[in-house]
Amino acid sequence: MARNIENDSGGRGNRWSPAIWGSAVFLLLLPLIAMQFTGEVDWTASDFLVMGVLLAIACGSYELATRISGSTAYRAASGLAIVTAFLTVWVNLAVGMLGSEDNPVNLSFGGVLAIGAIGTLIARFQSRRMARAMQATALAQAAMTVFALVAGYADVVPHVAVFILPWLLSAQLFRKAARERVGADAVG
């Protein structure tokens, strides 16, 4: 039976965990602090709940990635993909990628994220396959960019297109992790 985790060094966990979770708590507290000083920030309890859930999913996903592989390239690729997915959801909830946050066409970006998530499951977290999953996600993001242009959202095309780059960089980092693993297997 093929192993679906990268290497045994991933089981050590992540020494950065306290900083990552602490940063998430700090990000969640920022709007609460800002609300004390300005009326421009007006979050409801549900806003805090949604952001808390998003941050918990992002941090938990990164914790999982650190347990899967001890490779710096793998962890960087995972972190970049997680941050990109987080920002995609956050931007869509806050202001919307296309039009306002109430525009139902923004739900299409869920398809981009679904491709990444399903690709990750199919890849079974193996770096070479993860690279392909991130390429597919970048392609889906590119398709959304073309859709935005064709559908008359030309003013936001650069904002939508910029999300292609981190997906591609994540794919490149997963490729690097795969090469490192092959090199380590050849030595060992």
C-alpha atoms as a PDB file:
ATOM      1  CA  MET A   1       0.000   0.000   0.000  1.00  0.00           C
ATOM      2  CA  ALA A   2       1.462   3.352  -1.036  1.00  0.00           C
ATOM      3  CA  ARG A   3       2.010   5.886   1.687  1.00  0.00           C
ATOM      4  CA  ASN A   4       0.107   9.101   1.206  1.00  0.00           C
ATOM      5  CA  ILE A   5       2.315  11.242   3.383  1.00  0.00           C
ATOM      6  CA  GLU A   6       5.548  12.792   2.270  1.00  0.00           C
ATOM      7  CA  ASN A   7       8.083  11.730   4.865  1.00  0.00           C
ATOM      8  CA  ASP A   8       8.515  10.778   8.463  1.00  0.00           C
ATOM      9  CA  SER A   9      10.071  14.110   9.422  1.00  0.00           C
ATOM     10  CA  GLY A  10       6.692  15.794   9.071  1.00  0.00           C
ATOM     11  CA  GLY A  11       5.432  14.206  12.269  1.00  0.00           C
ATOM     12  CA  ARG A  12       7.494  16.562  14.400  1.00  0.00           C
ATOM     13  CA  GLY A  13       4.850  19.224  14.095  1.00  0.00           C
ATOM     14  CA  ASN A  14       5.560  22.866  13.647  1.00  0.00           C
ATOM     15  CA  ARG A  15       7.596  25.064  15.955  1.00  0.00           C
ATOM     16  CA  TRP A  16       5.793  28.071  14.484  1.00  0.00           C
ATOM     17  CA  SER A  17       2.370  26.866  15.679  1.00  0.00           C
ATOM     18  CA  PRO A  18       2.115  29.304  18.602  1.00  0.00           C
ATOM     19  CA  ALA A  19       3.014  32.239  16.342  1.00  0.00           C
ATOM     20  CA  ILE A  20       0.571  31.150  13.637  1.00  0.00           C
ATOM     21  CA  TRP A  21      -2.345  30.638  16.021  1.00  0.00           C
ATOM     22  CA  GLY A  22      -1.408  33.791  17.939  1.00  0.00           C
ATOM     23  CA  SER A  23      -1.419  35.788  14.710  1.00  0.00           C
ATOM     24  CA  ALA A  24      -4.862  34.398  13.895  1.00  0.00           C
ATOM     25  CA  VAL A  25      -6.165  35.522  17.285  1.00  0.00           C
ATOM     26  CA  PHE A  26      -4.562  38.945  16.761  1.00  0.00           C
ATOM     27  CA  LEU A  27      -6.208  39.268  13.326  1.00  0.00           C
ATOM     28  CA  LEU A  28      -9.542  38.373  14.868  1.00  0.00           C
ATOM     29  CA  LEU A  29      -9.083  40.969  17.615  1.00  0.00           C
ATOM     30  CA  LEU A  30      -8.106  43.798  15.236  1.00  0.00           C
ATOM     31  CA  PRO A  31     -11.676  44.631  14.166  1.00  0.00           C
ATOM     32  CA  LEU A  32     -12.798  44.503  17.791  1.00  0.00           C
ATOM     33  CA  ILE A  33     -10.089  46.983  18.755  1.00  0.00           C
ATOM     34  CA  ALA A  34     -10.823  49.173  15.711  1.00  0.00           C
ATOM     35  CA  MET A  35     -14.517  49.258  16.645  1.00  0.00           C
ATOM     36  CA  GLN A  36     -13.560  50.968  19.903  1.00  0.00           C
ATOM     37  CA  PHE A  37     -12.001  53.901  18.035  1.00  0.00           C
ATOM     38  CA  THR A  38     -13.988  54.334  14.817  1.00  0.00           C
ATOM     39  CA  GLY A  39     -17.442  53.824  13.436  1.00  0.00           C
ATOM     40  CA  GLU A  40     -15.953  52.767  10.094  1.00  0.00           C
ATOM     41  CA  VAL A  41     -15.515  49.228  11.398  1.00  0.00           C
ATOM     42  CA  ASP A  42     -18.803  47.645  12.406  1.00  0.00           C
ATOM     43  CA  TRP A  43     -18.595  43.894  12.768  1.00  0.00           C
ATOM     44  CA  THR A  44     -21.457  41.800  14.088  1.00  0.00           C
ATOM     45  CA  ALA A  45     -21.147  38.638  16.137  1.00  0.00           C
ATOM     46  CA  SER A  46     -21.675  36.618  12.948  1.00  0.00           C
ATOM     47  CA  ASP A  47     -18.788  38.481  11.259  1.00  0.00           C
ATOM     48  CA  PHE A  48     -16.490  37.459  14.110  1.00  0.00           C
ATOM     49  CA  LEU A  49     -17.812  33.895  13.984  1.00  0.00           C
ATOM     50  CA  VAL A  50     -17.243  33.568  10.230  1.00  0.00           C
ATOM     51  CA  MET A  51     -13.743  35.057  10.439  1.00  0.00           C
ATOM     52  CA  GLY A  52     -12.937  32.821  13.412  1.00  0.00           C
ATOM     53  CA  VAL A  53     -14.018  29.741  11.486  1.00  0.00           C
ATOM     54  CA  LEU A  54     -12.021  30.821   8.407  1.00  0.00           C
ATOM     55  CA  LEU A  55      -8.906  31.424  10.490  1.00  0.00           C
ATOM     56  CA  ALA A  56      -9.330  28.116  12.337  1.00  0.00           C
ATOM     57  CA  ILE A  57      -9.665  26.228   9.045  1.00  0.00           C
ATOM     58  CA  ALA A  58      -6.604  27.984   7.606  1.00  0.00           C
ATOM     59  CA  CYS A  59      -4.450  27.404  10.687  1.00  0.00           C
ATOM     60  CA  GLY A  60      -5.668  23.822  11.093  1.00  0.00           C
ATOM     61  CA  SER A  61      -4.946  23.099   7.444  1.00  0.00           C
ATOM     62  CA  TYR A  62      -1.413  24.390   7.843  1.00  0.00           C
ATOM     63  CA  GLU A  63      -0.958  22.278  10.974  1.00  0.00           C
ATOM     64  CA  LEU A  64      -1.959  19.254   8.903  1.00  0.00           C
ATOM     65  CA  ALA A  65       0.547  20.198   6.184  1.00  0.00           C
ATOM     66  CA  THR A  66       3.350  20.416   8.744  1.00  0.00           C
ATOM     67  CA  ARG A  67       2.537  16.922   9.922  1.00  0.00           C
ATOM     68  CA  ILE A  68       2.486  15.565   6.377  1.00  0.00           C
ATOM     69  CA  SER A  69       5.938  16.780   5.423  1.00  0.00           C
ATOM     70  CA  GLY A  70       8.991  18.253   7.040  1.00  0.00           C
ATOM     71  CA  SER A  71      10.103  19.700   3.695  1.00  0.00           C
ATOM     72  CA  THR A  72      10.375  23.483   3.769  1.00  0.00           C
ATOM     73  CA  ALA A  73       9.267  23.631   0.120  1.00  0.00           C
ATOM     74  CA  TYR A  74       6.211  21.475   0.853  1.00  0.00           C
ATOM     75  CA  ARG A  75       5.275  23.592   3.859  1.00  0.00           C
ATOM     76  CA  ALA A  76       5.762  26.828   1.900  1.00  0.00           C
ATOM     77  CA  ALA A  77       3.656  25.480  -0.975  1.00  0.00           C
ATOM     78  CA  SER A  78       0.926  24.437   1.430  1.00  0.00           C
ATOM     79  CA  GLY A  79       1.028  27.729   3.289  1.00  0.00           C
ATOM     80  CA  LEU A  80       0.808  29.722   0.073  1.00  0.00           C
ATOM     81  CA  ALA A  81      -2.133  27.673  -1.198  1.00  0.00           C
ATOM     82  CA  ILE A  82      -3.922  28.006   2.155  1.00  0.00           C
ATOM     83  CA  VAL A  83      -3.380  31.781   2.315  1.00  0.00           C
ATOM     84  CA  THR A  84      -4.581  32.147  -1.288  1.00  0.00           C
ATOM     85  CA  ALA A  85      -7.726  30.139  -0.567  1.00  0.00           C
ATOM     86  CA  PHE A  86      -8.311  32.151   2.625  1.00  0.00           C
ATOM     87  CA  LEU A  87      -7.929  35.450   0.761  1.00  0.00           C
ATOM     88  CA  THR A  88     -10.274  34.272  -1.995  1.00  0.00           C
ATOM     89  CA  VAL A  89     -13.012  33.578   0.538  1.00  0.00           C
ATOM     90  CA  TRP A  90     -12.314  36.712   2.572  1.00  0.00           C
ATOM     91  CA  VAL A  91     -12.340  39.050  -0.427  1.00  0.00           C
ATOM     92  CA  ASN A  92     -15.546  37.500  -1.707  1.00  0.00           C
ATOM     93  CA  LEU A  93     -17.256  37.844   1.661  1.00  0.00           C
ATOM     94  CA  ALA A  94     -15.998  41.376   2.300  1.00  0.00           C
ATOM     95  CA  VAL A  95     -16.361  43.123  -1.055  1.00  0.00           C
ATOM     96  CA  GLY A  96     -16.786  40.479  -3.743  1.00  0.00           C
ATOM     97  CA  MET A  97     -14.361  39.720  -6.533  1.00  0.00           C
ATOM     98  CA  LEU A  98     -16.911  40.580  -9.201  1.00  0.00           C
ATOM     99  CA  GLY A  99     -19.262  43.392  -8.361  1.00  0.00           C
ATOM    100  CA  SER A 100     -20.353  43.533  -4.737  1.00  0.00           C
ATOM    101  CA  GLU A 101     -20.227  40.816  -2.112  1.00  0.00           C
ATOM    102  CA  ASP A 102     -23.938  40.207  -2.827  1.00  0.00           C
ATOM    103  CA  ASN A 103     -23.330  39.338  -6.488  1.00  0.00           C
ATOM    104  CA  PRO A 104     -24.178  35.619  -6.864  1.00  0.00           C
ATOM    105  CA  VAL A 105     -21.550  35.227  -9.604  1.00  0.00           C
ATOM    106  CA  ASN A 106     -18.941  35.390  -6.824  1.00  0.00           C
ATOM    107  CA  LEU A 107     -20.061  31.924  -5.787  1.00  0.00           C
ATOM    108  CA  SER A 108     -18.227  30.711  -8.912  1.00  0.00           C
ATOM    109  CA  PHE A 109     -14.959  31.235  -7.069  1.00  0.00           C
ATOM    110  CA  GLY A 110     -16.071  28.380  -4.842  1.00  0.00           C
ATOM    111  CA  GLY A 111     -15.482  26.217  -7.912  1.00  0.00           C
ATOM    112  CA  VAL A 112     -11.864  27.354  -8.019  1.00  0.00           C
ATOM    113  CA  LEU A 113     -11.454  26.363  -4.378  1.00  0.00           C
ATOM    114  CA  ALA A 114     -13.304  23.082  -4.939  1.00  0.00           C
ATOM    115  CA  ILE A 115     -10.866  22.178  -7.716  1.00  0.00           C
ATOM    116  CA  GLY A 116      -7.986  22.827  -5.320  1.00  0.00           C
ATOM    117  CA  ALA A 117      -9.575  20.847  -2.495  1.00  0.00           C
ATOM    118  CA  ILE A 118     -10.655  17.905  -4.634  1.00  0.00           C
ATOM    119  CA  GLY A 119      -7.278  17.924  -6.392  1.00  0.00           C
ATOM    120  CA  THR A 120      -5.563  17.786  -3.015  1.00  0.00           C
ATOM    121  CA  LEU A 121      -7.630  14.764  -1.967  1.00  0.00           C
ATOM    122  CA  ILE A 122      -6.992  13.006  -5.271  1.00  0.00           C
ATOM    123  CA  ALA A 123      -3.279  13.818  -4.915  1.00  0.00           C
ATOM    124  CA  ARG A 124      -3.323  12.191  -1.474  1.00  0.00           C
ATOM    125  CA  PHE A 125      -1.018  15.014  -0.316  1.00  0.00           C
ATOM    126  CA  GLN A 126       1.883  13.742  -2.448  1.00  0.00           C
ATOM    127  CA  SER A 127       3.957  16.686  -3.590  1.00  0.00           C
ATOM    128  CA  ARG A 128       4.268  15.744  -7.274  1.00  0.00           C
ATOM    129  CA  ARG A 129       0.510  15.304  -7.527  1.00  0.00           C
ATOM    130  CA  MET A 130      -0.125  18.388  -5.405  1.00  0.00           C
ATOM    131  CA  ALA A 131       1.774  20.399  -8.024  1.00  0.00           C
ATOM    132  CA  ARG A 132      -0.737  19.246 -10.621  1.00  0.00           C
ATOM    133  CA  ALA A 133      -3.651  20.077  -8.335  1.00  0.00           C
ATOM    134  CA  MET A 134      -2.334  23.613  -7.861  1.00  0.00           C
ATOM    135  CA  GLN A 135      -1.833  23.973 -11.625  1.00  0.00           C
ATOM    136  CA  ALA A 136      -5.452  22.940 -12.149  1.00  0.00           C
ATOM    137  CA  THR A 137      -6.502  25.492  -9.536  1.00  0.00           C
ATOM    138  CA  ALA A 138      -4.493  28.190 -11.325  1.00  0.00           C
ATOM    139  CA  LEU A 139      -6.187  27.200 -14.575  1.00  0.00           C
ATOM    140  CA  ALA A 140      -9.606  27.508 -12.919  1.00  0.00           C
ATOM    141  CA  GLN A 141      -8.617  30.950 -11.611  1.00  0.00           C
ATOM    142  CA  ALA A 142      -7.506  31.896 -15.141  1.00  0.00           C
ATOM    143  CA  ALA A 143     -10.888  30.748 -16.456  1.00  0.00           C
ATOM    144  CA  MET A 144     -12.569  33.024 -13.914  1.00  0.00           C
ATOM    145  CA  THR A 145     -10.357  35.864 -15.138  1.00  0.00           C
ATOM    146  CA  VAL A 146     -11.488  35.289 -18.724  1.00  0.00           C
ATOM    147  CA  PHE A 147     -15.089  35.069 -17.518  1.00  0.00           C
ATOM    148  CA  ALA A 148     -14.697  38.394 -15.698  1.00  0.00           C
ATOM    149  CA  LEU A 149     -13.413  40.016 -18.879  1.00  0.00           C
ATOM    150  CA  VAL A 150     -16.161  38.567 -21.075  1.00  0.00           C
ATOM    151  CA  ALA A 151     -18.918  39.286 -18.539  1.00  0.00           C
ATOM    152  CA  GLY A 152     -18.056  42.977 -18.383  1.00  0.00           C
ATOM    153  CA  TYR A 153     -15.999  43.132 -15.196  1.00  0.00           C
ATOM    154  CA  ALA A 154     -12.910  44.444 -16.997  1.00  0.00           C
ATOM    155  CA  ASP A 155     -12.134  46.871 -14.174  1.00  0.00           C
ATOM    156  CA  VAL A 156     -11.451  44.012 -11.751  1.00  0.00           C
ATOM    157  CA  VAL A 157      -9.696  41.620 -14.141  1.00  0.00           C
ATOM    158  CA  PRO A 158      -6.233  42.467 -12.738  1.00  0.00           C
ATOM    159  CA  HIS A 159      -7.488  41.800  -9.191  1.00  0.00           C
ATOM    160  CA  VAL A 160      -8.911  38.438 -10.207  1.00  0.00           C
ATOM    161  CA  ALA A 161      -5.879  37.542 -12.338  1.00  0.00           C
ATOM    162  CA  VAL A 162      -3.379  38.253  -9.565  1.00  0.00           C
ATOM    163  CA  PHE A 163      -4.684  35.167  -7.730  1.00  0.00           C
ATOM    164  CA  ILE A 164      -3.320  32.973 -10.534  1.00  0.00           C
ATOM    165  CA  LEU A 165       0.264  33.709  -9.473  1.00  0.00           C
ATOM    166  CA  PRO A 166       0.211  32.235  -5.957  1.00  0.00           C
ATOM    167  CA  TRP A 167      -1.468  29.068  -7.240  1.00  0.00           C
ATOM    168  CA  LEU A 168       1.322  28.695  -9.818  1.00  0.00           C
ATOM    169  CA  LEU A 169       4.019  29.471  -7.260  1.00  0.00           C
ATOM    170  CA  SER A 170       2.515  26.872  -4.937  1.00  0.00           C
ATOM    171  CA  ALA A 171       2.663  24.332  -7.790  1.00  0.00           C
ATOM    172  CA  GLN A 172       6.315  25.199  -8.369  1.00  0.00           C
ATOM    173  CA  LEU A 173       7.134  24.762  -4.675  1.00  0.00           C
ATOM    174  CA  PHE A 174       5.370  21.386  -4.620  1.00  0.00           C
ATOM    175  CA  ARG A 175       7.494  20.376  -7.641  1.00  0.00           C
ATOM    176  CA  LYS A 176      10.597  21.429  -5.707  1.00  0.00           C
ATOM    177  CA  ALA A 177       9.461  19.335  -2.725  1.00  0.00           C
ATOM    178  CA  ALA A 178       8.976  16.357  -5.052  1.00  0.00           C
ATOM    179  CA  ARG A 179      12.492  16.770  -6.462  1.00  0.00           C
ATOM    180  CA  GLU A 180      13.919  16.997  -2.949  1.00  0.00           C
ATOM    181  CA  ARG A 181      12.121  13.810  -1.990  1.00  0.00           C
ATOM    182  CA  VAL A 182      13.407  11.965  -5.060  1.00  0.00           C
ATOM    183  CA  GLY A 183      16.935  13.188  -4.274  1.00  0.00           C
ATOM    184  CA  ALA A 184      16.651  12.086  -0.641  1.00  0.00           C
ATOM    185  CA  ASP A 185      15.332   8.661  -1.705  1.00  0.00           C
ATOM    186  CA  ALA A 186      18.242   8.246  -4.121  1.00  0.00           C
ATOM    187  CA  VAL A 187      20.766   9.081  -1.382  1.00  0.00           C
ATOM    188  CA  GLY A 188      19.058   6.954   1.264  1.00  0.00           C
END
